[in-house]
Every structure is written in structure tokens, then in C-alpha cells.
Amino acid sequence: MKNEESDEYKQKLALMEQNIKITKKMSHIKHKIAVMSGKGGVGKSTIAVNLATAFLKKGYKAGILDSDIHGPNIPRMLGIGDSFLKFEKNQILPIKTDDDMEVISTKFLLPDEDSPIIWRGPKKTGAIRQFLSDVKWGDLDVLIIDNPPGTGDEPLTILQSIPSLDGVIIVTTPQSVSLDDVKKCINMLKHLNISIIGLLENMSGFVCPHCNEEFSIFGQNNGEKIAEKMDIPFLGSLSVDINVSESIDNGIPVLKQNPDSVFSKGFFKIFSKIEDYIKEVEK
């Protein structure tokens, strides 16, 4: 019995020490923004990558924490998928892109592209917390956290572990299956008393590459209606754009590869609202 009590005490002490490390690490980063979704396949990681890119374009020092353990796609989207983590005095060094974006992902731990991560819940949440406590981030202005989809252990760990989180951007698509799940995300954040920066509707329509006419193939204004119903800000809608898939294949964010694309123009409008939000947080 005494041994069990001793082990429990040691675990609690280790957790407290790690919380102190996380608080210290995060205090060097001015703004922390999480990007989450109710389900996978809505373009959440694409939004996260381009959000960090938009901040870089505006002169901010930006980084991304890819906490999607089973789908770590951020490195491929940034053209750094072949990189491996390095360590310095028991600290993890983030990988830097050509334009000095700092990136951390479980992808950098895998021996090859096809290796799966077969971890149970405690190991996944432990890895996320270790990234928060042991990564040697630079003095970033903004850290974007790409959350796993849904409302399970991993996103909950992120939301509860990061002190002074500025808020969360929720990504959805217009289909009812996505909107059903996004309501759960909104209710989760409200329950945790975490600020919601706004709802972003991705893939709201399709722009024909020949005539430039936009078609609402998944429904119209559904994201805006949900935002109004759930009483949260609506950031805007983004259309399906062939330039996005091409940029992902090239490992270059579309805002950088094609800043004049339909997606990029729409994204910059949404970004201005997000930038206004963090400026208000600074006051």
C-alpha cells in the first residue's frame, strides 16, 4: 500500500514539474492559437499552415505545433517531411522552414513515410505534453497548434495544458455531418471556458477554373447559420480551389505559392479578422 502511495505521489510531483516547464516555455510565446475541427477531412491542417504563413508575411515570428498524432501532415505541406528532430541539452529543437517558420511534429520521429503510430491514449497525451514542455521554441510572436479532429484526449490535453491560450479557430465544411460534429466542439470549448476566435467554413463552394463561376456544391451559408445559432463569431468562407491541392503536393503553402488565387484572397480577408482579434488580446 505504501509503495502504491509513493508511486502516486511521484507521478503527481512529475506532473506538477512538467506543468511548471510548460508554463515557462509558453510564457516566451506571445500568442497561442489552436485550430480544431469536429471531424477529419475538412482542411484543418491546410488552414493551420496558411495561418502561420499569413503571420510570417505580416512580419510575425511564427511556429506550428502539429499535435495530430495519427495524421501528422504539416511537414509534408511545408516541404520538410524528410527532416528528423535534433536535441540539445535535453531539449527538442524545432525544424525550420526556408522562411524560418518553426515546426514540431511526430512525423519527424518516424523512420519512414509509411510507418504508423500505434499508441494508446496515455502515450499520445504524454507525447503532446512533452512537446509543450521540452521544445526549445524561439521567441515566437505566434504559435499555431494544429489539433487532432474531434473532442477526445489529444485535443483536450492541448486545450487544458496551454496557459494563456488566446483562443480557438474552428474549421468546418457546409455538409450536415461536419456541422453536427462542430457543434460538439463549440459546446466543449464553452464548457472549458476557452475563447472561440471564430468559425471558418472551408470548401464552401467550387470555383470553375474555366469560367471562374462559383458553385455551392455542399450547401450555402450553413457555417454562418451555425455560428449565429451557437452565438460565436463567423470568420468567413473559403472555396475549393485547385491551387490549394497543387500547393500541398509541392510542399509550399498556397498563400506563398499563389497569393493571387481565389483561396488566398479569401484567406487574407479572414486573416485580417484574426489579426484584429490578437491585437485586442494585447490591449
Protein backbone atom coordinates (compact mmCIF):
# COMPACT_ATOMS: atom_id res chain seq x y z
CA MET A 1 0.00 0.00 0.00
CA LYS A 2 2.82 2.39 0.93
CA ASN A 3 4.60 1.65 -2.36
CA GLU A 4 1.40 2.46 -4.28
CA GLU A 5 1.01 5.74 -2.38
CA SER A 6 4.67 6.55 -3.05
CA ASP A 7 4.27 5.88 -6.79
CA GLU A 8 1.15 8.03 -6.91
CA TYR A 9 2.97 10.85 -5.13
CA LYS A 10 5.89 10.64 -7.57
CA GLN A 11 3.50 10.78 -10.56
CA LYS A 12 1.76 13.84 -9.16
CA LEU A 13 5.10 15.52 -8.48
CA ALA A 14 6.35 14.77 -12.00
CA LEU A 15 3.12 16.19 -13.45
CA MET A 16 3.48 19.37 -11.38
CA GLU A 17 7.09 19.79 -12.50
CA GLN A 18 6.07 19.32 -16.14
CA ASN A 19 3.26 21.88 -15.75
CA ILE A 20 5.81 24.39 -14.48
CA LYS A 21 8.05 23.68 -17.50
CA ILE A 22 5.10 24.09 -19.89
CA THR A 23 4.12 27.40 -18.30
CA LYS A 24 7.71 28.66 -18.57
CA LYS A 25 8.06 27.56 -22.21
CA MET A 26 4.73 29.04 -23.28
CA SER A 27 5.45 32.35 -21.50
CA HIS A 28 8.08 33.12 -24.15
CA ILE A 29 5.43 32.92 -26.90
CA LYS A 30 3.20 35.99 -27.16
CA HIS A 31 0.17 34.39 -28.80
CA LYS A 32 -1.09 30.81 -28.90
CA ILE A 33 -3.90 29.90 -31.30
CA ALA A 34 -5.37 26.41 -31.64
CA VAL A 35 -7.05 25.21 -34.83
CA MET A 36 -9.56 22.39 -34.40
CA SER A 37 -12.44 20.62 -36.14
CA GLY A 38 -15.23 18.25 -35.25
CA LYS A 39 -14.16 15.69 -37.84
CA GLY A 40 -11.27 14.95 -40.17
CA GLY A 41 -11.10 15.89 -43.84
CA VAL A 42 -12.31 19.47 -43.53
CA GLY A 43 -8.95 21.09 -44.33
CA LYS A 44 -7.95 21.96 -40.77
CA SER A 45 -4.21 21.42 -41.35
CA THR A 46 -4.35 23.45 -44.57
CA ILE A 47 -5.86 26.31 -42.58
CA ALA A 48 -3.21 25.98 -39.86
CA VAL A 49 -0.31 26.03 -42.34
CA ASN A 50 -1.63 29.04 -44.22
CA LEU A 51 -2.47 30.86 -41.00
CA ALA A 52 1.15 30.56 -39.85
CA THR A 53 2.25 31.65 -43.34
CA ALA A 54 -0.01 34.70 -43.21
CA PHE A 55 1.52 35.72 -39.89
CA LEU A 56 5.02 35.35 -41.38
CA LYS A 57 4.01 37.51 -44.34
CA LYS A 58 2.91 40.22 -41.91
CA GLY A 59 6.28 40.18 -40.14
CA TYR A 60 5.42 37.99 -37.15
CA LYS A 61 7.73 35.21 -35.94
CA ALA A 62 5.55 32.12 -36.26
CA GLY A 63 5.65 28.42 -35.49
CA ILE A 64 3.38 25.37 -35.74
CA LEU A 65 2.86 22.53 -33.29
CA ASP A 66 1.41 19.58 -35.20
CA SER A 67 -0.36 17.68 -32.42
CA ASP A 68 -2.31 15.43 -34.79
CA ILE A 69 -0.53 12.24 -33.72
CA HIS A 70 -2.04 9.86 -36.27
CA GLY A 71 -2.21 12.29 -39.19
CA PRO A 72 0.91 14.50 -38.96
CA ASN A 73 0.58 16.18 -42.36
CA ILE A 74 2.05 19.59 -41.57
CA PRO A 75 5.68 18.70 -42.51
CA ARG A 76 4.65 17.47 -45.97
CA MET A 77 2.61 20.62 -46.56
CA LEU A 78 5.68 22.71 -45.75
CA GLY A 79 8.14 20.64 -47.76
CA ILE A 80 10.10 19.43 -44.71
CA GLY A 81 8.71 15.89 -44.47
CA ASP A 82 12.16 14.26 -44.70
CA SER A 83 13.52 16.06 -41.63
CA PHE A 84 14.33 14.45 -38.28
CA LEU A 85 14.33 16.02 -34.83
CA LYS A 86 17.56 17.06 -33.15
CA PHE A 87 18.20 17.54 -29.45
CA GLU A 88 20.25 19.99 -27.44
CA LYS A 89 20.76 19.61 -23.68
CA ASN A 90 17.60 17.52 -23.23
CA GLN A 91 15.58 19.96 -25.31
CA ILE A 92 13.91 19.26 -28.65
CA LEU A 93 14.90 21.62 -31.46
CA PRO A 94 12.10 22.56 -33.87
CA ILE A 95 12.65 22.13 -37.60
CA LYS A 96 12.82 25.40 -39.51
CA THR A 97 11.45 26.05 -42.99
CA ASP A 98 13.24 28.24 -45.54
CA ASP A 99 11.40 31.30 -44.22
CA ASP A 100 12.18 30.46 -40.56
CA MET A 101 8.82 29.03 -39.53
CA GLU A 102 9.46 26.72 -36.56
CA VAL A 103 7.72 23.34 -36.75
CA ILE A 104 7.27 20.37 -34.41
CA SER A 105 5.51 17.15 -35.42
CA THR A 106 5.51 13.44 -34.57
CA LYS A 107 6.26 12.98 -38.29
CA PHE A 108 9.87 13.91 -37.51
CA LEU A 109 10.11 10.87 -35.20
CA LEU A 110 9.10 8.29 -37.81
CA PRO A 111 11.72 6.22 -39.66
CA ASP A 112 9.88 6.48 -42.98
CA GLU A 113 6.75 7.84 -44.67
CA ASP A 114 4.66 4.69 -44.24
CA SER A 115 5.33 3.97 -40.56
CA PRO A 116 2.15 4.10 -38.45
CA ILE A 117 1.95 5.44 -34.92
CA ILE A 118 0.27 2.73 -32.85
CA TRP A 119 -0.05 4.37 -29.45
CA ARG A 120 -2.69 4.17 -26.76
CA GLY A 121 -4.20 7.27 -25.14
CA PRO A 122 -1.71 7.88 -22.29
CA LYS A 123 1.29 7.66 -24.60
CA LYS A 124 -0.29 10.11 -27.06
CA THR A 125 -1.15 12.67 -24.41
CA GLY A 126 2.30 12.16 -22.89
CA ALA A 127 3.95 12.94 -26.24
CA ILE A 128 1.87 16.10 -26.64
CA ARG A 129 2.76 17.33 -23.17
CA GLN A 130 6.43 16.57 -23.82
CA PHE A 131 6.32 18.70 -26.97
CA LEU A 132 4.86 21.51 -24.88
CA SER A 133 7.42 21.20 -22.10
CA ASP A 134 10.64 20.19 -23.89
CA VAL A 135 10.69 22.01 -27.24
CA LYS A 136 13.16 24.88 -27.44
CA TRP A 137 10.97 27.38 -29.27
CA GLY A 138 12.42 30.71 -30.27
CA ASP A 139 10.86 33.96 -29.05
CA LEU A 140 7.81 33.47 -31.23
CA ASP A 141 5.09 36.04 -31.73
CA VAL A 142 2.56 33.35 -32.63
CA LEU A 143 2.33 29.59 -32.18
CA ILE A 144 -0.35 27.80 -34.19
CA ILE A 145 -1.44 24.46 -32.73
CA ASP A 146 -2.95 22.04 -35.24
CA ASN A 147 -5.23 19.90 -33.07
CA PRO A 148 -6.38 16.38 -33.92
CA PRO A 149 -10.03 16.31 -35.04
CA GLY A 150 -12.80 15.73 -32.53
CA THR A 151 -13.14 16.24 -28.79
CA GLY A 152 -11.06 13.34 -27.41
CA ASP A 153 -7.98 13.01 -25.21
CA GLU A 154 -5.46 14.71 -27.50
CA PRO A 155 -7.32 17.98 -28.20
CA LEU A 156 -8.44 18.09 -24.56
CA THR A 157 -4.80 17.74 -23.44
CA ILE A 158 -3.77 20.67 -25.63
CA LEU A 159 -6.61 22.89 -24.51
CA GLN A 160 -6.08 22.20 -20.82
CA SER A 161 -2.26 22.26 -20.86
CA ILE A 162 -1.50 25.55 -22.63
CA PRO A 163 -1.65 28.54 -20.30
CA SER A 164 -2.93 31.83 -21.74
CA LEU A 165 -4.31 30.28 -24.92
CA ASP A 166 -5.57 33.22 -26.99
CA GLY A 167 -8.40 31.21 -28.46
CA VAL A 168 -9.51 28.57 -30.93
CA ILE A 169 -10.41 28.69 -34.61
CA ILE A 170 -12.93 26.00 -35.54
CA VAL A 171 -12.89 24.69 -39.11
CA THR A 172 -15.93 23.09 -40.73
CA THR A 173 -17.38 22.36 -44.15
CA PRO A 174 -21.01 23.07 -45.15
CA GLN A 175 -22.20 19.42 -45.01
CA SER A 176 -24.51 18.44 -42.18
CA VAL A 177 -22.19 15.64 -40.96
CA SER A 178 -19.43 18.19 -40.37
CA LEU A 179 -21.76 20.74 -38.83
CA ASP A 180 -23.19 18.15 -36.43
CA ASP A 181 -19.68 17.46 -35.11
CA VAL A 182 -18.66 21.10 -34.99
CA LYS A 183 -21.49 21.82 -32.54
CA LYS A 184 -19.81 19.38 -30.14
CA CYS A 185 -16.52 21.30 -30.49
CA ILE A 186 -18.25 24.58 -29.74
CA ASN A 187 -20.00 23.15 -26.68
CA MET A 188 -16.73 21.61 -25.47
CA LEU A 189 -14.93 24.96 -25.68
CA LYS A 190 -17.76 26.75 -23.92
CA HIS A 191 -17.72 24.11 -21.18
CA LEU A 192 -13.96 24.59 -20.73
CA ASN A 193 -14.41 28.38 -20.80
CA ILE A 194 -11.97 28.74 -23.72
CA SER A 195 -12.31 31.68 -26.09
CA ILE A 196 -13.55 30.95 -29.61
CA ILE A 197 -11.95 33.24 -32.16
CA GLY A 198 -14.50 32.13 -34.73
CA LEU A 199 -15.87 29.53 -37.09
CA LEU A 200 -14.29 29.19 -40.53
CA GLU A 201 -16.22 27.42 -43.29
CA ASN A 202 -13.89 25.66 -45.71
CA MET A 203 -14.84 24.16 -49.09
CA SER A 204 -17.95 26.34 -49.19
CA GLY A 205 -18.11 26.24 -52.97
CA PHE A 206 -16.22 25.28 -56.11
CA VAL A 207 -14.72 27.86 -58.45
CA CYS A 208 -14.65 26.64 -62.04
CA PRO A 209 -11.11 27.08 -63.42
CA HIS A 210 -12.51 27.83 -66.89
CA CYS A 211 -15.24 30.39 -66.23
CA ASN A 212 -14.42 31.43 -62.64
CA GLU A 213 -18.07 30.94 -61.66
CA GLU A 214 -18.60 29.60 -58.13
CA PHE A 215 -20.95 26.70 -57.40
CA SER A 216 -22.24 25.88 -53.90
CA ILE A 217 -21.79 22.12 -54.15
CA PHE A 218 -22.09 21.38 -50.41
CA GLY A 219 -24.81 23.85 -49.41
CA GLN A 220 -24.88 27.60 -48.91
CA ASN A 221 -24.21 29.72 -45.79
CA ASN A 222 -24.55 26.69 -43.50
CA GLY A 223 -21.46 27.59 -41.46
CA GLU A 224 -22.65 31.14 -40.95
CA LYS A 225 -26.07 29.89 -39.80
CA ILE A 226 -24.48 27.56 -37.23
CA ALA A 227 -22.21 30.34 -35.95
CA GLU A 228 -25.21 32.60 -35.49
CA LYS A 229 -27.23 29.84 -33.80
CA MET A 230 -24.37 28.94 -31.42
CA ASP A 231 -23.59 32.63 -30.78
CA ILE A 232 -19.97 32.62 -31.91
CA PRO A 233 -18.15 34.82 -34.47
CA PHE A 234 -18.18 33.75 -38.13
CA LEU A 235 -14.80 34.38 -39.77
CA GLY A 236 -15.82 33.69 -43.36
CA SER A 237 -15.95 31.06 -46.10
CA LEU A 238 -13.29 29.63 -48.40
CA SER A 239 -13.97 27.96 -51.73
CA VAL A 240 -12.46 24.77 -53.14
CA ASP A 241 -9.51 25.92 -55.22
CA ILE A 242 -7.29 23.67 -57.36
CA ASN A 243 -4.32 25.85 -56.38
CA VAL A 244 -4.57 24.53 -52.82
CA SER A 245 -4.09 20.86 -53.76
CA GLU A 246 -1.25 21.81 -56.11
CA SER A 247 0.50 23.77 -53.36
CA ILE A 248 0.16 20.86 -50.91
CA ASP A 249 1.73 18.50 -53.45
CA ASN A 250 4.58 20.97 -53.92
CA GLY A 251 5.13 21.42 -50.18
CA ILE A 252 4.53 25.17 -50.40
CA PRO A 253 1.60 26.97 -48.68
CA VAL A 254 -0.81 28.36 -51.27
CA LEU A 255 -0.51 31.85 -49.76
CA LYS A 256 3.16 31.72 -50.69
CA GLN A 257 2.95 29.83 -53.99
CA ASN A 258 -0.08 31.62 -55.39
CA PRO A 259 -1.06 34.69 -53.33
CA ASP A 260 -3.48 35.83 -56.05
CA SER A 261 -5.54 32.62 -56.05
CA VAL A 262 -9.22 32.63 -55.07
CA PHE A 263 -8.36 30.78 -51.84
CA SER A 264 -5.52 33.18 -50.93
CA LYS A 265 -7.61 36.31 -51.47
CA GLY A 266 -10.39 34.89 -49.34
CA PHE A 267 -7.94 33.75 -46.68
CA PHE A 268 -6.30 37.16 -46.33
CA LYS A 269 -9.72 38.67 -45.58
CA ILE A 270 -10.26 36.10 -42.84
CA PHE A 271 -6.74 36.61 -41.54
CA SER A 272 -7.37 40.32 -41.03
CA LYS A 273 -10.14 39.42 -38.54
CA ILE A 274 -7.82 37.01 -36.72
CA GLU A 275 -5.06 39.62 -36.55
CA ASP A 276 -7.55 42.17 -35.18
CA TYR A 277 -8.51 39.62 -32.53
CA ILE A 278 -4.96 39.10 -31.23
CA LYS A 279 -4.33 42.84 -31.24
CA GLU A 280 -7.34 43.19 -28.95
CA VAL A 281 -5.89 40.47 -26.71
CA GLU A 282 -2.68 42.52 -26.39
CA LYS A 283 -4.57 45.54 -25.02
